Every structure is written in structure tokens, then in C-alpha cells.
Amino acid sequence: MPSIHILRLLMPLFVTLALVGFPLAAQQQGRPPPTVTVQTAKPQDVTLTTTLPGRVVASAMAEVRPQVAGIVTDRLFQEGGRVEAGDVLFTIDPASYQAAVAQADAAVAQAQAQLNAAQKEEARQRELASRNVSSTAALDTAIAARDSALAGLQAARAQLNATQIELDRTEIKARLSGEIGRSLTSQGALVTASQASPLAVIRNIDTVYVDVTQSAAEIIEWRRGNAGARMADSMPEVSLTLADGSVYDQKGRLTAAEPDVNEQTGVVVLRMSFDNPDKLLLPGMYVQVEMPTRIAKAVFLVPQEAVSRDRRGQPVAMVVGAENVVEARQLTVVQDLGSDWVVTDGLNAGDRIVTVGLQMASAGATVNPEEATAGTPQGQAEPASSGEAPAAAEPAATQSE
């Protein structure tokens, strides 16, 4: 009985030893190494980008204000619609200005009559002077009277022109073609010349600007890599991401860069220009601009699913080396690019990076590597050809160790 009890106690230990020894025995019997999918590292030049937040700004804006005082009698535009330069937007009661024009017109007629009389007197004095009937002083007086009457006529005409301008300004016209907002006044309201509050605002959004901010450190890095070049001249096209996460279908260009740094925030304001044919972009809208910063030479694009993190948080990839033995490589990652990481250090041309089968590719293990092909399922895609950066996409989640 004691021996049977001891055997029962030792039975779990015998089973455990048998299970542990089974893989060893299988390996001793020549079990093949596990198969993993690899991607061969190829150096290439990649354009690095940065994402900058910004706001949409109208390419032109005009605040509609009266240039004469009076009562608003009518509004002649549709709020939120489009207006063209020269369209009448508001009318002001013109009665007092019409009276001023009539008075100025009468003054012109009076001045003209005085000039006619002075010219006749001058002609008469010249005739008398030619006959030695009149003195030279009388002729000089007639000439002076004629000149004075001519000057009075010119002053009256100028006054008539001024009153006509004021009468014309009782029709408040658009000075800019674009989209007009809501009316900020109503019929019957008293307005004054050059008042502080506008009657309406017109914005041209056929083309819009996007103002973004970039740190002074990034500007310095860019200028060092592009000595003597203006950003607006050498910057390629930029793309725009809207507030809902979608990508705007029009490309833009950098048109201006402020030549100073904000003392409080340490950033530089950059202005991008985008066509807006569908009026999708509205002033004040929050957007993000993806802007190229520099070209990284001879870097590697590594699928994000092939990179994990060690206990210190450093990016690590499994590389199949000589005799198909796996080794861990610590990488230097500068940024993500689509579904890949841009790696500047830690890899050599021709290295075989494990992309699928990482659970079987521990450091020191022997594996059977297979190069990814075009027909490989997602997660095992063949790397992009040299010189071609993959299309921008949402970065994949990084695996943890």
C-alpha cells in the first residue's frame, strides 16, 4: 500500500517530464524549422512629411459700409448668395442728395451766365480799345472779370460733381465678387458715413488660404537643407485633411511664409493656397495640412506589423541572418509613412525582415524564410519598389513585446 501511494504521487511528475521531453525528441528526429515570411530591406529616398494644424481664410474679404448718411430704404441681395462687383446691395433715401445736386446744377448755370457776360464785356472793351475809345485799364478789368467768372464756373462744376458722387453713393454697391453673408442692418435703420459696424461682409472663397503654424526649429532644419531657396518656390504640393478626417480632393501650394517668429509661441505662420470650386472649404474651418519637409536619403521602409517594442520602448525588428538564424535589431525610426515606418539606422541593404510569423521567430531560432509575394494576404504585402513611397494611410498599431 505505501508503494502504491508513492506511485500515485509521482505520476504527475512522470507525465510532465514526458511532455517536456517530447519536443526535444521530435527535434532530435529532424523536425523542420518553422516557416516565416520576410521582406528584403532596400534603401530608397523618401520624402518626409509633417502634419500642421491650420484655419481656412478667405482669399479676399470686403466689409460693406455706407459712405453717406441716411435712412436705409431697401436691401437688394439674397443673404448667403453670390454677388458680383458693381451690384447694388442697399439703397439710402436720396431726397436730400438730389436736392443738393439740383442746387449745385443751378450754381453751375449761374456761373456760366456770369462767364458769358464777362466774355462779352471783354470783347466790347477790346473793340473800344482798338479804336482808342477805351483805356487799357478798362480792358484789364474786363479780362480779370472774365477770368474770375471762369474760375467760378469751374468751382460750381466741381461742387456739382461732389454732390453727384454723394447721390450715387446712396446706392451702396459691392466692391468685390464673392459670397455675401447675412445682412447686419435692416430697412429703416439710420446709417452714417464710414461707421464702425459693417452692413454685410463679402468673401471670395473661389480660392482660399490655409494659415498653418510651424515651429522655428523645423524652419531652421528646412533652411539648412535648402540653403538659399525660398520655401514658396521650392515647396511641392501639399494635401489637406478636413475636420471629419477625409482628404480634400484638391492639392494646394505654399504661397507665403512669414519672415518673423512669434515671440510668445515660437512658431512661424505659413500660408497655403487651395482651389475651392465646390465651396466646400469655408473661412474659419479647422483643417490639417500634410506638408513635405525634406528628402531622407537611403532609408528603409519597414511594415509596422514587423516592428515591436522592447522593455525599454525601443523599436525592434527580427532579421533572418546567416544560416537562417533570427537576430533582433534595434531600429532608429524617424516617422511613419502610411503603413510603414521610416528607418534610418539598424538595417543594411539585403537584410531579411520577418513580417509574418513573429511568434515563431524569437532571437536565436532557426527558421525557413520565404520572401513575400504579390499574392500574399494583407499583413504580408510585398514591399514597395525602390523610390516609391506608399500612399498615406492611418498608421497601424505598433505591436508590444
Protein backbone atom coordinates (compact mmCIF):
# COMPACT_ATOMS: atom_id res chain seq x y z
CA MET A 1 0.00 0.00 0.00
CA PRO A 2 2.73 2.59 0.75
CA SER A 3 4.38 1.88 -2.60
CA ILE A 4 1.07 2.38 -4.45
CA HIS A 5 0.53 5.70 -2.70
CA ILE A 6 4.04 6.88 -3.67
CA LEU A 7 3.41 5.90 -7.31
CA ARG A 8 0.23 7.99 -7.33
CA LEU A 9 2.12 11.00 -6.03
CA LEU A 10 4.90 10.64 -8.61
CA MET A 11 2.58 10.04 -11.59
CA PRO A 12 2.06 13.82 -12.42
CA LEU A 13 5.81 14.32 -12.39
CA PHE A 14 6.33 11.46 -14.88
CA VAL A 15 3.67 12.95 -17.18
CA THR A 16 5.28 16.41 -17.06
CA LEU A 17 8.72 15.01 -17.87
CA ALA A 18 7.26 13.08 -20.76
CA LEU A 19 5.57 16.20 -22.23
CA VAL A 20 8.74 18.28 -21.88
CA GLY A 21 10.86 15.65 -23.48
CA PHE A 22 8.53 15.15 -26.45
CA PRO A 23 9.55 18.31 -28.40
CA LEU A 24 13.19 17.58 -27.71
CA ALA A 25 12.75 14.11 -29.08
CA ALA A 26 10.87 15.44 -32.08
CA GLN A 27 13.64 17.97 -32.74
CA GLN A 28 16.23 15.23 -32.42
CA GLN A 29 14.26 13.32 -35.02
CA GLY A 30 14.83 16.21 -37.55
CA ARG A 31 11.62 18.29 -37.25
CA PRO A 32 11.82 21.13 -39.91
CA PRO A 33 12.21 24.78 -38.71
CA PRO A 34 9.07 26.98 -38.81
CA THR A 35 8.35 28.99 -41.97
CA VAL A 36 8.18 32.78 -41.74
CA THR A 37 7.54 35.49 -44.32
CA VAL A 38 10.32 38.02 -44.82
CA GLN A 39 10.80 41.27 -46.69
CA THR A 40 14.20 42.22 -48.08
CA ALA A 41 15.37 45.65 -46.99
CA LYS A 42 16.03 48.01 -49.90
CA PRO A 43 17.40 51.53 -49.36
CA GLN A 44 15.47 54.31 -51.07
CA ASP A 45 14.92 58.05 -50.98
CA VAL A 46 11.74 59.04 -49.18
CA THR A 47 10.04 62.42 -48.86
CA LEU A 48 9.30 63.05 -45.20
CA THR A 49 6.19 65.00 -44.27
CA THR A 50 4.78 66.80 -41.28
CA THR A 51 1.16 67.42 -40.33
CA LEU A 52 0.34 71.00 -39.32
CA PRO A 53 -2.96 72.35 -37.93
CA GLY A 54 -4.48 75.41 -39.54
CA ARG A 55 -7.54 77.51 -40.34
CA VAL A 56 -9.18 78.35 -43.64
CA VAL A 57 -9.09 82.04 -44.62
CA ALA A 58 -10.93 83.72 -47.50
CA SER A 59 -8.63 84.87 -50.30
CA ALA A 60 -10.33 88.29 -50.24
CA MET A 61 -12.82 89.95 -47.92
CA ALA A 62 -14.70 93.26 -48.08
CA GLU A 63 -16.85 94.80 -45.36
CA VAL A 64 -19.77 96.75 -46.82
CA ARG A 65 -20.10 100.20 -45.18
CA PRO A 66 -22.03 103.35 -46.19
CA GLN A 67 -20.10 106.37 -47.44
CA VAL A 68 -23.00 108.78 -46.83
CA ALA A 69 -25.51 109.16 -44.02
CA GLY A 70 -29.20 108.44 -44.32
CA ILE A 71 -32.06 106.01 -43.85
CA VAL A 72 -31.78 102.54 -45.46
CA THR A 73 -34.74 102.15 -47.79
CA ASP A 74 -34.11 98.73 -49.37
CA ARG A 75 -31.92 95.61 -49.36
CA LEU A 76 -31.37 94.21 -52.88
CA PHE A 77 -29.40 90.98 -52.35
CA GLN A 78 -30.11 87.48 -51.11
CA GLU A 79 -28.38 86.68 -47.86
CA GLY A 80 -25.83 83.90 -48.20
CA GLY A 81 -25.82 84.18 -52.01
CA ARG A 82 -23.28 85.33 -54.53
CA VAL A 83 -22.85 88.93 -55.63
CA GLU A 84 -20.75 90.48 -58.36
CA ALA A 85 -18.70 93.65 -58.15
CA GLY A 86 -20.97 96.59 -59.01
CA ASP A 87 -24.22 95.01 -57.80
CA VAL A 88 -26.40 97.35 -55.70
CA LEU A 89 -26.75 95.91 -52.20
CA PHE A 90 -28.56 98.66 -50.22
CA THR A 91 -30.22 101.97 -51.07
CA ILE A 92 -30.31 105.05 -48.85
CA ASP A 93 -33.05 107.70 -49.06
CA PRO A 94 -31.68 110.01 -51.82
CA ALA A 95 -34.04 113.02 -51.39
CA SER A 96 -31.61 115.38 -49.64
CA TYR A 97 -28.79 114.44 -52.02
CA GLN A 98 -30.98 115.01 -55.07
CA ALA A 99 -31.78 118.47 -53.74
CA ALA A 100 -28.07 119.19 -53.28
CA VAL A 101 -27.42 118.13 -56.88
CA ALA A 102 -30.18 120.41 -58.14
CA GLN A 103 -28.75 123.32 -56.16
CA ALA A 104 -25.26 122.67 -57.47
CA ASP A 105 -26.61 122.41 -61.01
CA ALA A 106 -28.25 125.83 -60.61
CA ALA A 107 -24.97 127.26 -59.33
CA VAL A 108 -23.26 125.96 -62.46
CA ALA A 109 -25.88 127.65 -64.66
CA GLN A 110 -25.45 130.92 -62.79
CA ALA A 111 -21.65 130.76 -63.09
CA GLN A 112 -21.99 130.04 -66.79
CA ALA A 113 -24.19 133.09 -67.24
CA GLN A 114 -21.69 135.27 -65.40
CA LEU A 115 -18.91 133.94 -67.58
CA ASN A 116 -20.87 134.68 -70.73
CA ALA A 117 -21.45 138.26 -69.58
CA ALA A 118 -17.79 138.69 -68.68
CA GLN A 119 -16.69 137.36 -72.05
CA LYS A 120 -19.00 139.81 -73.86
CA GLU A 121 -17.67 142.70 -71.78
CA GLU A 122 -14.12 141.67 -72.58
CA ALA A 123 -14.93 141.57 -76.32
CA ARG A 124 -16.53 145.04 -76.13
CA GLN A 125 -13.58 146.54 -74.31
CA ARG A 126 -11.18 145.09 -76.88
CA GLU A 127 -13.20 146.64 -79.69
CA LEU A 128 -13.19 150.05 -77.94
CA ALA A 129 -9.50 149.78 -77.17
CA SER A 130 -8.78 149.12 -80.85
CA ARG A 131 -10.49 152.42 -81.69
CA ASN A 132 -8.67 154.23 -78.89
CA VAL A 133 -12.03 154.97 -77.31
CA SER A 134 -11.45 152.98 -74.08
CA SER A 135 -8.48 152.94 -71.79
CA THR A 136 -6.16 149.99 -71.22
CA ALA A 137 -7.26 149.83 -67.57
CA ALA A 138 -10.83 149.17 -68.56
CA LEU A 139 -9.70 146.31 -70.79
CA ASP A 140 -7.62 144.82 -67.97
CA THR A 141 -10.63 145.00 -65.66
CA ALA A 142 -12.80 143.18 -68.22
CA ILE A 143 -10.18 140.45 -68.65
CA ALA A 144 -9.93 139.98 -64.86
CA ALA A 145 -13.70 139.73 -64.58
CA ARG A 146 -13.76 137.11 -67.31
CA ASP A 147 -11.07 135.03 -65.55
CA SER A 148 -12.92 135.31 -62.25
CA ALA A 149 -16.16 134.17 -63.87
CA LEU A 150 -14.34 131.21 -65.46
CA ALA A 151 -12.91 130.20 -62.09
CA GLY A 152 -16.38 130.50 -60.54
CA LEU A 153 -17.78 128.20 -63.22
CA GLN A 154 -15.08 125.60 -62.56
CA ALA A 155 -15.79 125.72 -58.80
CA ALA A 156 -19.52 125.32 -59.42
CA ARG A 157 -18.91 122.34 -61.67
CA ALA A 158 -16.65 120.74 -59.02
CA GLN A 159 -19.37 121.22 -56.42
CA LEU A 160 -21.89 119.64 -58.78
CA ASN A 161 -19.56 116.69 -59.27
CA ALA A 162 -19.16 116.25 -55.49
CA THR A 163 -22.91 116.31 -54.88
CA GLN A 164 -23.44 113.85 -57.74
CA ILE A 165 -20.91 111.47 -56.17
CA GLU A 166 -22.76 111.63 -52.84
CA LEU A 167 -26.05 110.98 -54.64
CA ASP A 168 -24.51 107.94 -56.38
CA ARG A 169 -23.32 106.66 -53.01
CA THR A 170 -26.90 106.39 -51.81
CA GLU A 171 -26.75 103.14 -53.78
CA ILE A 172 -24.33 101.00 -51.79
CA LYS A 173 -22.61 98.70 -54.29
CA ALA A 174 -20.46 95.58 -53.96
CA ARG A 175 -16.76 96.25 -54.45
CA LEU A 176 -15.85 92.56 -54.56
CA SER A 177 -17.28 89.49 -56.27
CA GLY A 178 -17.92 86.65 -53.87
CA GLU A 179 -20.25 85.14 -51.29
CA ILE A 180 -22.13 87.63 -49.14
CA GLY A 181 -23.23 86.83 -45.62
CA ARG A 182 -26.29 87.85 -43.70
CA SER A 183 -27.44 91.46 -43.59
CA LEU A 184 -26.32 93.24 -40.43
CA THR A 185 -28.84 96.07 -40.81
CA SER A 186 -32.48 96.43 -41.83
CA GLN A 187 -34.76 98.76 -43.71
CA GLY A 188 -35.46 101.98 -41.83
CA ALA A 189 -32.13 101.93 -39.99
CA LEU A 190 -30.11 105.15 -39.84
CA VAL A 191 -26.56 104.68 -41.10
CA THR A 192 -23.66 107.10 -41.13
CA ALA A 193 -20.63 107.53 -43.35
CA SER A 194 -17.74 105.16 -42.54
CA GLN A 195 -19.49 103.78 -39.46
CA ALA A 196 -17.68 101.13 -37.40
CA SER A 197 -20.13 98.27 -37.93
CA PRO A 198 -20.47 96.89 -41.49
CA LEU A 199 -23.80 96.38 -43.22
CA ALA A 200 -22.65 93.00 -44.62
CA VAL A 201 -19.45 91.11 -45.41
CA ILE A 202 -18.41 89.72 -48.81
CA ARG A 203 -15.84 86.91 -49.02
CA ASN A 204 -14.18 85.45 -52.08
CA ILE A 205 -13.84 81.70 -51.47
CA ASP A 206 -13.29 80.52 -55.05
CA THR A 207 -9.70 80.22 -53.86
CA VAL A 208 -8.98 80.01 -50.15
CA TYR A 209 -5.90 80.26 -47.97
CA VAL A 210 -4.99 77.91 -45.14
CA ASP A 211 -2.77 79.51 -42.49
CA VAL A 212 -0.73 76.97 -40.51
CA THR A 213 1.99 77.30 -37.91
CA GLN A 214 5.34 75.54 -37.89
CA SER A 215 7.95 75.60 -35.17
CA ALA A 216 11.05 77.70 -35.63
CA ALA A 217 13.22 74.59 -35.11
CA GLU A 218 11.63 72.85 -38.11
CA ILE A 219 12.06 76.00 -40.21
CA ILE A 220 15.75 76.10 -39.30
CA GLU A 221 16.15 72.43 -40.27
CA TRP A 222 14.44 73.06 -43.60
CA ARG A 223 16.56 76.12 -44.41
CA ARG A 224 19.78 74.27 -43.62
CA GLY A 225 18.79 71.54 -46.06
CA ASN A 226 17.69 74.05 -48.73
CA ALA A 227 20.23 76.82 -48.46
CA GLY A 228 19.33 79.92 -50.45
CA ALA A 229 15.90 78.65 -51.52
CA ARG A 230 12.56 80.28 -50.78
CA MET A 231 10.00 77.94 -49.27
CA ALA A 232 7.26 79.20 -51.58
CA ASP A 233 9.42 78.49 -54.66
CA SER A 234 10.74 75.03 -53.79
CA MET A 235 7.85 73.53 -51.83
CA PRO A 236 5.92 70.82 -53.74
CA GLU A 237 2.18 70.29 -53.49
CA VAL A 238 0.55 69.80 -50.10
CA SER A 239 -2.56 67.85 -49.17
CA LEU A 240 -5.39 68.79 -46.83
CA THR A 241 -7.30 66.74 -44.27
CA LEU A 242 -10.72 68.03 -43.29
CA ALA A 243 -12.29 68.08 -39.82
CA ASP A 244 -14.17 64.82 -40.49
CA GLY A 245 -10.92 63.01 -41.33
CA SER A 246 -11.46 62.90 -45.10
CA VAL A 247 -8.78 64.06 -47.54
CA TYR A 248 -9.63 67.11 -49.67
CA ASP A 249 -9.56 66.28 -53.37
CA GLN A 250 -7.66 69.44 -54.37
CA LYS A 251 -3.93 69.85 -53.89
CA GLY A 252 -2.51 73.12 -52.64
CA ARG A 253 0.76 75.01 -52.68
CA LEU A 254 2.71 77.06 -50.19
CA THR A 255 2.37 80.69 -51.27
CA ALA A 256 3.93 82.68 -48.41
CA ALA A 257 5.91 82.31 -45.21
CA GLU A 258 6.07 85.00 -42.54
CA PRO A 259 9.66 86.31 -42.20
CA ASP A 260 9.39 86.51 -38.41
CA VAL A 261 8.85 84.22 -35.44
CA ASN A 262 6.09 84.79 -32.90
CA GLU A 263 7.87 85.73 -29.68
CA GLN A 264 5.27 84.11 -27.43
CA THR A 265 4.72 80.80 -29.24
CA GLY A 266 7.97 80.37 -31.19
CA VAL A 267 6.21 79.48 -34.44
CA VAL A 268 6.17 80.79 -38.00
CA VAL A 269 2.92 81.29 -39.95
CA LEU A 270 2.81 79.60 -43.37
CA ARG A 271 0.07 80.27 -45.94
CA MET A 272 -1.19 77.60 -48.36
CA SER A 273 -3.46 78.25 -51.35
CA PHE A 274 -6.21 75.81 -52.40
CA ASP A 275 -8.77 75.95 -55.19
CA ASN A 276 -12.31 75.69 -53.81
CA PRO A 277 -14.63 75.06 -56.80
CA ASP A 278 -17.38 73.38 -54.74
CA LYS A 279 -17.21 75.93 -51.89
CA LEU A 280 -16.51 73.05 -49.50
CA LEU A 281 -13.86 74.99 -47.58
CA LEU A 282 -15.32 77.82 -45.51
CA PRO A 283 -13.41 80.57 -43.66
CA GLY A 284 -12.65 79.63 -40.07
CA MET A 285 -12.78 75.87 -40.72
CA TYR A 286 -10.20 73.77 -38.84
CA VAL A 287 -8.05 71.59 -41.13
CA GLN A 288 -4.72 69.77 -41.15
CA VAL A 289 -2.08 70.20 -43.84
CA GLU A 290 0.38 67.43 -44.70
CA MET A 291 3.47 69.25 -45.92
CA PRO A 292 6.74 67.78 -47.23
CA THR A 293 9.71 68.77 -45.11
CA ARG A 294 12.79 67.06 -46.55
CA ILE A 295 14.02 64.06 -48.54
CA ALA A 296 15.60 61.30 -46.47
CA LYS A 297 18.36 59.56 -48.43
CA ALA A 298 18.94 55.78 -48.38
CA VAL A 299 16.37 54.91 -45.72
CA PHE A 300 14.27 51.77 -45.33
CA LEU A 301 10.51 51.35 -45.28
CA VAL A 302 9.59 48.64 -42.79
CA PRO A 303 5.98 47.41 -42.36
CA GLN A 304 4.66 48.49 -39.00
CA GLU A 305 3.49 44.98 -38.18
CA ALA A 306 7.15 43.86 -38.40
CA VAL A 307 8.29 46.22 -35.63
CA SER A 308 7.75 45.59 -31.94
CA ARG A 309 8.98 47.33 -28.79
CA ASP A 310 11.43 46.02 -26.22
CA ARG A 311 11.10 46.54 -22.47
CA ARG A 312 12.69 49.97 -22.80
CA GLY A 313 10.25 51.02 -25.51
CA GLN A 314 12.84 50.89 -28.30
CA PRO A 315 11.67 49.70 -31.76
CA VAL A 316 13.00 46.23 -32.63
CA ALA A 317 12.72 44.09 -35.77
CA MET A 318 13.57 40.40 -36.23
CA VAL A 319 16.08 39.84 -39.03
CA VAL A 320 16.96 36.48 -40.57
CA GLY A 321 20.74 36.34 -40.77
CA ALA A 322 23.28 33.83 -41.89
CA GLU A 323 22.23 30.15 -41.78
CA ASN A 324 18.64 31.37 -41.33
CA VAL A 325 19.17 32.24 -37.68
CA VAL A 326 16.97 35.04 -36.32
CA GLU A 327 18.54 38.03 -34.60
CA ALA A 328 16.93 41.08 -33.00
CA ARG A 329 17.84 44.50 -34.44
CA GLN A 330 17.21 47.77 -32.67
CA LEU A 331 15.99 50.40 -35.15
CA THR A 332 16.04 54.16 -35.43
CA VAL A 333 12.59 55.30 -36.60
CA VAL A 334 12.08 58.91 -37.73
CA GLN A 335 8.35 58.81 -38.54
CA ASP A 336 5.54 56.75 -40.01
CA LEU A 337 4.71 56.83 -43.70
CA GLY A 338 1.40 55.18 -44.49
CA SER A 339 1.54 51.62 -43.11
CA ASP A 340 5.36 51.65 -42.85
CA TRP A 341 7.99 53.02 -40.52
CA VAL A 342 10.80 55.12 -42.00
CA VAL A 343 14.02 53.59 -40.59
CA THR A 344 17.35 55.41 -40.82
CA ASP A 345 19.58 53.10 -38.77
CA GLY A 346 19.68 49.47 -37.65
CA LEU A 347 19.30 47.80 -41.06
CA ASN A 348 21.53 47.06 -44.01
CA ALA A 349 20.66 46.57 -47.65
CA GLY A 350 19.62 42.97 -48.21
CA ASP A 351 18.56 42.23 -44.64
CA ARG A 352 15.56 39.92 -44.47
CA ILE A 353 12.99 41.32 -42.05
CA VAL A 354 10.39 38.96 -40.59
CA THR A 355 6.93 40.37 -41.33
CA VAL A 356 4.72 37.31 -40.65
CA GLY A 357 5.37 34.59 -38.10
CA LEU A 358 6.96 36.71 -35.42
CA GLN A 359 5.64 34.38 -32.72
CA MET A 360 7.92 31.65 -34.11
CA ALA A 361 10.89 33.94 -34.82
CA SER A 362 12.48 34.52 -31.45
CA ALA A 363 16.10 35.62 -31.33
CA GLY A 364 18.44 32.69 -31.92
CA ALA A 365 15.81 30.46 -33.51
CA THR A 366 16.36 28.81 -36.88
CA VAL A 367 13.59 29.49 -39.41
CA ASN A 368 12.70 28.80 -43.02
CA PRO A 369 12.33 32.29 -44.63
CA GLU A 370 10.03 32.87 -47.58
CA GLU A 371 10.01 36.16 -49.48
CA ALA A 372 6.65 37.94 -49.61
CA THR A 373 4.94 37.83 -52.99
CA ALA A 374 2.29 39.96 -54.70
CA GLY A 375 -0.37 37.39 -53.81
CA THR A 376 0.42 37.44 -50.10
CA PRO A 377 -2.64 38.31 -47.97
CA GLN A 378 -2.90 41.62 -46.13
CA GLY A 379 -0.26 41.91 -43.46
CA GLN A 380 2.18 40.02 -45.73
CA ALA A 381 2.29 42.53 -48.60
CA GLU A 382 5.37 42.79 -50.74
CA PRO A 383 7.41 45.96 -50.08
CA ALA A 384 7.05 48.98 -52.33
CA SER A 385 9.56 49.28 -55.16
CA SER A 386 12.60 51.46 -54.57
CA GLY A 387 11.93 55.16 -54.83
CA GLU A 388 8.15 54.90 -54.39
CA ALA A 389 6.64 55.92 -51.09
CA PRO A 390 3.35 54.23 -50.21
CA ALA A 391 0.17 56.26 -50.20
CA ALA A 392 -0.63 57.99 -46.94
CA ALA A 393 -2.88 55.99 -44.63
CA GLU A 394 -3.74 55.76 -40.99
CA PRO A 395 -0.73 54.33 -39.11
CA ALA A 396 -1.17 50.76 -37.94
CA ALA A 397 -0.98 49.97 -34.23
CA THR A 398 2.51 49.09 -33.03
CA GLN A 399 2.92 45.59 -31.56
CA SER A 400 4.09 45.39 -27.99
CA GLU A 401 6.62 42.87 -26.88
